[in-house]
Protein backbone atom coordinates (compact mmCIF):
# COMPACT_ATOMS: atom_id res chain seq x y z
CA PRO A 1 5.70 54.05 94.99
CA LEU A 2 5.70 50.31 95.71
CA ASN A 3 5.96 50.93 99.44
CA SER A 4 3.02 53.33 99.24
CA ILE A 5 0.90 50.82 97.29
CA SER A 6 1.75 48.08 99.79
CA LEU A 7 0.86 50.25 102.78
CA ASN A 8 -2.45 51.37 101.30
CA THR A 9 -3.34 47.79 100.42
CA GLU A 10 -2.90 46.86 104.07
CA LEU A 11 -5.05 49.82 105.13
CA LEU A 12 -7.78 48.76 102.70
CA GLU A 13 -7.77 45.25 104.13
CA GLU A 14 -8.43 46.74 107.57
CA GLU A 15 -11.33 48.79 106.18
CA LEU A 16 -12.82 45.64 104.62
CA LEU A 17 -13.51 44.20 108.05
CA GLU A 18 -16.55 46.47 108.23
CA LEU A 19 -18.13 44.99 105.07
CA PRO A 20 -20.54 42.03 104.95
CA GLU A 21 -18.70 38.71 104.90
CA ASP A 22 -19.51 37.75 101.28
CA ALA A 23 -18.34 41.10 99.89
CA ARG A 24 -15.34 41.14 102.22
CA ASP A 25 -14.06 37.74 101.05
CA GLU A 26 -14.05 38.69 97.36
CA ALA A 27 -12.44 42.07 97.97
CA SER A 28 -9.84 40.52 100.30
CA SER A 29 -8.91 38.00 97.62
CA ILE A 30 -8.34 40.82 95.12
CA LEU A 31 -6.21 42.77 97.59
CA ARG A 32 -4.10 39.71 98.39
CA ALA A 33 -3.44 39.30 94.66
CA VAL A 34 -2.39 42.96 94.46
CA GLN A 35 -0.09 42.50 97.45
CA ARG A 36 1.55 39.44 95.90
CA GLU A 37 2.32 41.36 92.72
CA VAL A 38 3.63 44.33 94.69
CA ASP A 39 5.94 41.99 96.60
CA ARG A 40 7.12 40.44 93.32
CA LEU A 41 7.82 43.88 91.80
CA THR A 42 9.69 44.88 94.95
CA GLY A 43 11.89 41.80 94.61
CA ILE A 44 12.55 42.53 90.93
CA THR A 45 13.44 46.15 91.71
CA GLU A 46 15.85 45.11 94.46
CA GLU A 47 17.50 42.63 92.11
CA TYR A 48 17.94 45.29 89.41
CA LEU A 49 19.49 47.69 91.92
CA GLN A 50 21.79 45.01 93.31
CA PHE A 51 23.05 44.21 89.82
CA ALA A 52 23.53 47.86 88.83
CA ARG A 53 25.13 48.97 92.10
CA LEU A 54 27.12 45.95 93.28
CA PRO A 55 29.60 47.40 95.80
CA LYS A 56 33.26 46.53 95.77
CA PRO A 57 33.74 43.35 97.82
CA ASN A 58 34.79 43.78 101.44
CA LEU A 59 37.41 41.02 101.54
CA ALA A 60 38.24 38.80 104.49
CA ALA A 61 39.72 35.30 104.77
CA GLU A 62 36.86 32.79 104.71
CA ASP A 63 36.38 29.02 104.59
CA ALA A 64 34.39 28.05 101.48
CA ASN A 65 33.26 24.80 103.11
CA GLU A 66 31.73 26.64 106.07
CA ILE A 67 29.75 28.89 103.74
CA LEU A 68 28.58 25.92 101.64
CA THR A 69 27.64 23.88 104.71
CA SER A 70 25.60 26.77 106.09
CA LEU A 71 23.75 27.29 102.80
CA LEU A 72 23.04 23.58 102.33
CA GLY A 73 21.67 23.38 105.86
CA PHE A 74 19.36 26.29 105.02
CA LEU A 75 18.12 24.58 101.83
CA THR A 76 17.90 20.99 103.07
CA SER A 77 14.19 21.03 103.88
CA GLU A 78 13.33 22.64 100.51
CA LEU A 79 15.34 19.98 98.68
CA GLU A 80 13.77 17.12 100.63
CA GLN A 81 10.24 18.38 100.01
CA GLN A 82 10.99 18.47 96.28
CA GLY A 83 12.46 14.97 96.26
CA VAL A 84 16.02 16.13 95.56
CA GLU A 85 18.81 13.93 96.94
CA LEU A 86 21.74 15.99 98.21
CA ARG A 87 25.27 14.63 97.92
CA ARG A 88 28.13 16.49 99.59
CA GLU A 89 31.69 16.07 98.29
CA LEU A 90 33.49 18.75 100.29
CA SER A 91 37.25 18.31 100.61
CA GLU A 92 38.65 18.64 104.11
CA ALA A 93 41.09 21.35 105.18
CA LEU A 94 40.58 23.67 102.24
CA PRO A 95 42.83 26.73 102.15
CA LEU A 96 41.10 30.02 102.92
CA ILE A 97 39.92 32.45 100.25
CA ASP A 98 39.72 36.25 100.42
CA VAL A 99 36.07 37.05 99.73
CA ASP A 100 33.14 39.17 100.71
CA GLU A 101 31.14 36.54 102.59
CA ASN A 102 27.73 38.08 101.92
CA GLN A 103 28.39 38.42 98.19
CA LEU A 104 29.75 34.87 97.89
CA ARG A 105 26.76 33.53 99.79
CA GLN A 106 24.45 35.29 97.33
CA ALA A 107 26.33 33.87 94.34
CA LEU A 108 26.29 30.31 95.69
CA LEU A 109 22.66 30.57 96.75
CA ASN A 110 21.72 31.64 93.22
CA LEU A 111 23.48 28.59 91.78
CA LEU A 112 21.96 26.19 94.32
CA ARG A 113 18.43 27.49 93.79
CA ASN A 114 18.95 27.37 90.04
CA ALA A 115 19.86 23.70 90.38
CA LYS A 116 16.82 23.03 92.55
CA GLU A 117 14.47 24.73 90.09
CA ALA A 118 15.93 22.60 87.27
CA MET A 119 14.63 19.47 89.06
CA PRO A 120 10.93 20.12 89.75
CA GLY A 121 10.21 16.38 89.81
CA GLY A 122 13.20 15.49 92.00
CA GLY A 123 16.71 14.37 91.16
CA LYS A 124 20.23 14.49 92.57
CA LEU A 125 22.23 17.57 93.53
CA THR A 126 25.97 17.14 94.03
CA VAL A 127 27.95 19.92 95.70
CA GLY A 128 31.72 19.55 95.83
CA SER A 129 34.78 21.58 96.72
CA ARG A 130 38.50 21.05 96.28
CA ALA A 131 41.82 22.85 95.90
CA VAL A 132 43.39 22.96 92.43
CA HIS A 133 46.51 24.44 90.86
CA ARG A 134 46.66 26.72 87.83
CA GLY A 135 49.58 28.04 85.89
CA ALA A 136 53.22 26.96 85.89
CA GLY A 137 56.50 28.07 87.44
CA ALA A 138 56.36 31.45 89.14
CA ASP A 139 52.77 31.89 87.95
CA ARG A 140 51.56 28.66 89.56
CA ARG A 141 48.76 29.44 92.01
CA ARG A 142 46.24 27.59 94.09
CA TRP A 143 42.51 28.01 93.62
CA ILE A 144 39.37 26.77 95.31
CA GLU A 145 36.91 25.04 93.00
CA VAL A 146 33.22 24.67 93.88
CA ARG A 147 31.17 22.38 91.66
CA ILE A 148 27.34 22.33 91.68
CA VAL A 149 25.87 19.54 89.54
CA ASP A 150 22.21 18.72 89.04
CA THR A 151 20.41 15.95 87.16
CA GLY A 152 17.70 18.28 85.94
CA MET A 153 16.25 19.14 82.57
CA GLY A 154 19.51 20.59 81.26
CA ILE A 155 20.04 23.54 78.94
CA SER A 156 20.03 23.53 75.14
CA PRO A 157 23.20 24.74 73.35
CA GLU A 158 21.36 27.83 72.05
CA VAL A 159 20.25 28.89 75.51
CA LEU A 160 23.56 27.93 77.13
CA GLU A 161 25.32 30.66 75.14
CA GLN A 162 23.09 33.31 76.74
CA VAL A 163 22.66 32.18 80.37
CA PHE A 164 25.00 34.86 81.75
CA GLU A 165 23.53 37.70 79.69
CA PRO A 166 21.66 40.30 81.76
CA PHE A 167 17.85 40.18 81.38
CA PHE A 168 17.87 36.85 79.53
CA SER A 169 15.56 34.31 81.15
CA THR A 170 13.58 31.22 80.18
CA LYS A 171 11.53 31.29 83.39
CA ASP A 172 8.03 32.74 83.63
CA GLY A 173 8.38 36.00 85.53
CA GLY A 174 12.19 35.67 85.66
CA THR A 175 14.32 38.83 85.63
CA GLY A 176 17.31 37.25 83.90
CA LEU A 177 19.64 38.76 86.48
CA GLY A 178 20.39 35.85 88.83
CA LEU A 179 23.21 34.26 86.84
CA ALA A 180 24.44 37.61 85.51
CA LEU A 181 24.78 38.88 89.10
CA THR A 182 26.46 35.63 90.16
CA GLN A 183 29.03 35.94 87.38
CA GLN A 184 29.60 39.61 88.24
CA ILE A 185 30.29 38.72 91.89
CA VAL A 186 32.72 35.95 90.92
CA HIS A 187 34.61 38.21 88.50
CA GLU A 188 34.84 40.97 91.12
CA HIS A 189 36.66 38.41 93.31
CA GLY A 190 39.13 37.54 90.54
CA GLY A 191 37.48 34.18 89.87
CA ASP A 192 35.79 32.33 87.04
CA LEU A 193 32.35 30.77 86.54
CA GLU A 194 31.83 28.10 83.90
CA VAL A 195 28.80 26.05 82.91
CA GLN A 196 28.35 22.78 81.05
CA SER A 197 24.97 21.25 80.29
CA GLU A 198 23.18 18.65 78.25
CA ALA A 199 19.44 18.77 77.66
CA GLY A 200 17.69 15.96 79.53
CA VAL A 201 20.84 15.03 81.47
CA GLY A 202 21.70 17.93 83.76
CA THR A 203 23.87 20.98 84.34
CA SER A 204 27.21 21.63 86.03
CA PHE A 205 28.38 25.03 87.28
CA VAL A 206 32.03 25.34 88.31
CA LEU A 207 33.10 28.35 90.36
CA THR A 208 36.81 28.97 90.98
CA LEU A 209 38.35 31.55 93.30
CA PRO A 210 42.00 32.29 94.14
CA VAL A 211 43.34 31.13 97.48
CA SER A 212 44.19 33.76 100.09
CA GLY A 213 47.59 35.27 99.25
CA ALA A 214 49.44 34.17 102.39
CA GLN A 215 48.27 30.57 102.10
CA ASP A 216 49.03 30.48 98.40
CA ARG A 217 52.69 31.28 99.10
CA VAL A 218 53.29 28.89 102.00
CA ASP A 219 51.08 25.95 101.08
CA GLN A 220 51.96 24.20 97.83
CA THR A 221 50.49 20.77 98.57
CA PRO A 222 49.25 18.64 95.64
CA ASP A 223 45.79 19.08 94.21
CA ASP A 224 42.94 17.24 95.86
CA PRO A 225 42.48 14.04 93.84
CA THR A 226 38.72 13.90 94.43
């Protein structure tokens, strides 16, 4: 139905070219408003479907730093226009992780855009990565940790308890699925997603994912001290 509405809106705009200019301008403005809302509903629908039908990840060995660098390059101009200072703290020579690249990109992009939206008047965004160890003895494993920290408005304790709940949102027109989908993706990869925040100070999201099995067995170097 949304595709049909969108198509017919475009056809109507073509028909409007035959009207007098004053009538055409007003009608065109109304149709553009309709088209914007159709596009917004299409986006919401796609987000619902993505959350409900998230496919099993298609795993391959990937470099988390390469994915982060690519995403930050994509967002740099948006951040600069908003007055957000970007600070990179990416550790060198990270071990690889077994992930679905497209799904991980979506999860990280959600977190980065969340951070940007939390700083409408500008601020500082710090994105870091490092290798860490968890467990002890035979259960000791290496993980990759990605930290996304903003100096935005922060989140109150009451809201913080609900940020990962599906359909919960404090944004006008928000679907409440962005963080829920991000957490779902991380859990499907055997990882964790944690959040800490203080109202008026900022928010920190920490995403951890297990290192690729082969590297986890052969590389037991100390944790990155950064």
